[in-house]
Amino acid sequence: MIFIVVKFTANPEDSYRWMDTVMPLTRGTRAEPGCKWYEWYHSVDEPNVFVVVEAFEDDAAAQAHMNADHFIAGMAAIKPLLAKTPEIVMQPVDADGWGELDAARVD
């Protein structure tokens, strides 16, 4: 599985538009056959910071994502809202999905 986390910092005056702007990209990505998940999070400490956590079945699926029309259009839509270049962690991981955190078991 390819695990990706991207941190975006929006211009303060554009932060309120972020989620509406990324929704076409989000819907398109979630519909991709190799997408395991694509989830947005908003920083509680930095109001202009948004993080997407995404996973793809394999490298081919991740590459297909980055070449998809909705990805290219989404990046073009996001670019004017950015205060700085996004930061990324992209790693293959030996997993098929989320696992349980034993220290926080509920049973």
C-alpha atoms as a PDB file:
ATOM      1  CA  MET A   1       0.000   0.000   0.000  1.00  0.00           C
ATOM      2  CA  ILE A   2       1.171   3.549  -0.717  1.00  0.00           C
ATOM      3  CA  PHE A   3       0.480   5.852   2.238  1.00  0.00           C
ATOM      4  CA  ILE A   4       0.484   9.610   1.605  1.00  0.00           C
ATOM      5  CA  VAL A   5       0.070  12.584   3.928  1.00  0.00           C
ATOM      6  CA  VAL A   6       0.091  16.092   2.466  1.00  0.00           C
ATOM      7  CA  LYS A   7       0.079  19.279   4.548  1.00  0.00           C
ATOM      8  CA  PHE A   8      -1.358  22.373   2.856  1.00  0.00           C
ATOM      9  CA  THR A   9      -1.121  25.917   4.239  1.00  0.00           C
ATOM     10  CA  ALA A  10      -3.777  28.210   2.822  1.00  0.00           C
ATOM     11  CA  ASN A  11      -3.640  31.972   2.632  1.00  0.00           C
ATOM     12  CA  PRO A  12      -5.486  33.289   5.711  1.00  0.00           C
ATOM     13  CA  GLU A  13      -8.029  35.098   3.529  1.00  0.00           C
ATOM     14  CA  ASP A  14      -8.731  31.909   1.544  1.00  0.00           C
ATOM     15  CA  SER A  15      -8.957  29.355   4.342  1.00  0.00           C
ATOM     16  CA  TYR A  16     -12.761  29.503   4.469  1.00  0.00           C
ATOM     17  CA  ARG A  17     -12.917  28.394   0.791  1.00  0.00           C
ATOM     18  CA  TRP A  18     -10.609  25.394   1.151  1.00  0.00           C
ATOM     19  CA  MET A  19     -13.076  22.533   1.616  1.00  0.00           C
ATOM     20  CA  ASP A  20     -15.434  23.703  -1.126  1.00  0.00           C
ATOM     21  CA  THR A  21     -12.465  24.051  -3.488  1.00  0.00           C
ATOM     22  CA  VAL A  22     -11.133  20.536  -2.846  1.00  0.00           C
ATOM     23  CA  MET A  23     -14.469  18.695  -3.044  1.00  0.00           C
ATOM     24  CA  PRO A  24     -14.295  17.855  -6.790  1.00  0.00           C
ATOM     25  CA  LEU A  25     -10.774  16.479  -6.258  1.00  0.00           C
ATOM     26  CA  THR A  26     -11.950  14.563  -3.194  1.00  0.00           C
ATOM     27  CA  ARG A  27     -14.957  12.983  -4.924  1.00  0.00           C
ATOM     28  CA  GLY A  28     -12.904  12.047  -7.992  1.00  0.00           C
ATOM     29  CA  THR A  29     -10.114  10.527  -5.922  1.00  0.00           C
ATOM     30  CA  ARG A  30     -12.453   8.487  -3.741  1.00  0.00           C
ATOM     31  CA  ALA A  31     -13.993   7.021  -6.914  1.00  0.00           C
ATOM     32  CA  GLU A  32     -10.631   5.808  -8.256  1.00  0.00           C
ATOM     33  CA  PRO A  33     -10.406   2.008  -8.317  1.00  0.00           C
ATOM     34  CA  GLY A  34      -7.057   1.917  -6.447  1.00  0.00           C
ATOM     35  CA  CYS A  35      -7.969   4.431  -3.731  1.00  0.00           C
ATOM     36  CA  LYS A  36      -8.253   2.898  -0.265  1.00  0.00           C
ATOM     37  CA  TRP A  37      -9.113   6.217   1.445  1.00  0.00           C
ATOM     38  CA  TYR A  38      -8.814   9.971   0.998  1.00  0.00           C
ATOM     39  CA  GLU A  39      -9.613  11.986   4.135  1.00  0.00           C
ATOM     40  CA  TRP A  40      -9.212  15.692   4.955  1.00  0.00           C
ATOM     41  CA  TYR A  41      -8.322  17.074   8.398  1.00  0.00           C
ATOM     42  CA  HIS A  42      -8.132  20.659   9.658  1.00  0.00           C
ATOM     43  CA  SER A  43      -5.438  21.601  12.162  1.00  0.00           C
ATOM     44  CA  VAL A  44      -6.710  22.570  15.599  1.00  0.00           C
ATOM     45  CA  ASP A  45      -3.593  24.676  16.206  1.00  0.00           C
ATOM     46  CA  GLU A  46      -3.142  26.373  12.836  1.00  0.00           C
ATOM     47  CA  PRO A  47      -6.443  27.554  11.287  1.00  0.00           C
ATOM     48  CA  ASN A  48      -4.967  27.805   7.784  1.00  0.00           C
ATOM     49  CA  VAL A  49      -3.501  24.284   7.716  1.00  0.00           C
ATOM     50  CA  PHE A  50      -5.295  21.356   6.095  1.00  0.00           C
ATOM     51  CA  VAL A  51      -3.980  17.799   5.870  1.00  0.00           C
ATOM     52  CA  VAL A  52      -5.072  15.028   3.541  1.00  0.00           C
ATOM     53  CA  VAL A  53      -4.371  11.421   4.502  1.00  0.00           C
ATOM     54  CA  GLU A  54      -4.643   9.074   1.566  1.00  0.00           C
ATOM     55  CA  ALA A  55      -3.781   5.519   0.632  1.00  0.00           C
ATOM     56  CA  PHE A  56      -3.629   3.626  -2.627  1.00  0.00           C
ATOM     57  CA  GLU A  57      -3.401  -0.109  -3.286  1.00  0.00           C
ATOM     58  CA  ASP A  58      -0.005   0.148  -4.979  1.00  0.00           C
ATOM     59  CA  ASP A  59       2.402   2.440  -6.798  1.00  0.00           C
ATOM     60  CA  ALA A  60       0.485   2.097 -10.068  1.00  0.00           C
ATOM     61  CA  ALA A  61      -2.714   3.325  -8.396  1.00  0.00           C
ATOM     62  CA  ALA A  62      -0.874   6.266  -6.784  1.00  0.00           C
ATOM     63  CA  GLN A  63       0.671   7.213 -10.135  1.00  0.00           C
ATOM     64  CA  ALA A  64      -2.721   6.911 -11.875  1.00  0.00           C
ATOM     65  CA  HIS A  65      -4.132   9.262  -9.227  1.00  0.00           C
ATOM     66  CA  MET A  66      -1.487  11.899  -9.920  1.00  0.00           C
ATOM     67  CA  ASN A  67      -2.194  11.685 -13.659  1.00  0.00           C
ATOM     68  CA  ALA A  68      -5.995  11.798 -13.340  1.00  0.00           C
ATOM     69  CA  ASP A  69      -7.863  14.778 -14.784  1.00  0.00           C
ATOM     70  CA  HIS A  70      -9.538  15.543 -11.436  1.00  0.00           C
ATOM     71  CA  PHE A  71      -6.113  15.608  -9.718  1.00  0.00           C
ATOM     72  CA  ILE A  72      -4.655  18.008 -12.294  1.00  0.00           C
ATOM     73  CA  ALA A  73      -7.741  20.249 -12.117  1.00  0.00           C
ATOM     74  CA  GLY A  74      -7.752  20.057  -8.316  1.00  0.00           C
ATOM     75  CA  MET A  75      -4.134  21.140  -8.031  1.00  0.00           C
ATOM     76  CA  ALA A  76      -4.843  24.050 -10.386  1.00  0.00           C
ATOM     77  CA  ALA A  77      -7.822  25.091  -8.226  1.00  0.00           C
ATOM     78  CA  ILE A  78      -5.818  24.828  -4.989  1.00  0.00           C
ATOM     79  CA  LYS A  79      -2.722  26.679  -6.189  1.00  0.00           C
ATOM     80  CA  PRO A  80      -4.131  30.233  -5.859  1.00  0.00           C
ATOM     81  CA  LEU A  81      -5.193  29.473  -2.264  1.00  0.00           C
ATOM     82  CA  LEU A  82      -1.734  28.349  -1.118  1.00  0.00           C
ATOM     83  CA  ALA A  83       0.468  30.398   1.201  1.00  0.00           C
ATOM     84  CA  LYS A  84       3.407  28.042   0.591  1.00  0.00           C
ATOM     85  CA  THR A  85       4.361  24.878  -1.241  1.00  0.00           C
ATOM     86  CA  PRO A  86       2.623  21.815   0.247  1.00  0.00           C
ATOM     87  CA  GLU A  87       4.674  19.306   2.255  1.00  0.00           C
ATOM     88  CA  ILE A  88       4.355  15.568   1.606  1.00  0.00           C
ATOM     89  CA  VAL A  89       5.222  12.196   3.059  1.00  0.00           C
ATOM     90  CA  MET A  90       4.729   9.372   0.549  1.00  0.00           C
ATOM     91  CA  GLN A  91       5.815   5.887   1.586  1.00  0.00           C
ATOM     92  CA  PRO A  92       5.068   2.297   0.736  1.00  0.00           C
ATOM     93  CA  VAL A  93       3.873   0.501   3.860  1.00  0.00           C
ATOM     94  CA  ASP A  94       3.470  -3.177   4.565  1.00  0.00           C
ATOM     95  CA  ALA A  95      -0.248  -3.034   5.346  1.00  0.00           C
ATOM     96  CA  ASP A  96      -3.588  -3.315   3.607  1.00  0.00           C
ATOM     97  CA  GLY A  97      -5.399  -0.745   5.754  1.00  0.00           C
ATOM     98  CA  TRP A  98      -5.782   0.653   9.238  1.00  0.00           C
ATOM     99  CA  GLY A  99      -4.940  -1.534  12.216  1.00  0.00           C
ATOM    100  CA  GLU A 100      -6.174  -1.337  15.805  1.00  0.00           C
ATOM    101  CA  LEU A 101      -4.237   0.578  18.454  1.00  0.00           C
ATOM    102  CA  ASP A 102      -3.881  -2.030  21.191  1.00  0.00           C
ATOM    103  CA  ALA A 103      -3.248   0.581  23.902  1.00  0.00           C
ATOM    104  CA  ALA A 104      -6.702   2.035  23.288  1.00  0.00           C
ATOM    105  CA  ARG A 105      -8.756  -1.135  22.896  1.00  0.00           C
ATOM    106  CA  VAL A 106     -12.402  -0.720  23.828  1.00  0.00           C
ATOM    107  CA  ASP A 107     -13.306  -4.354  24.581  1.00  0.00           C
END
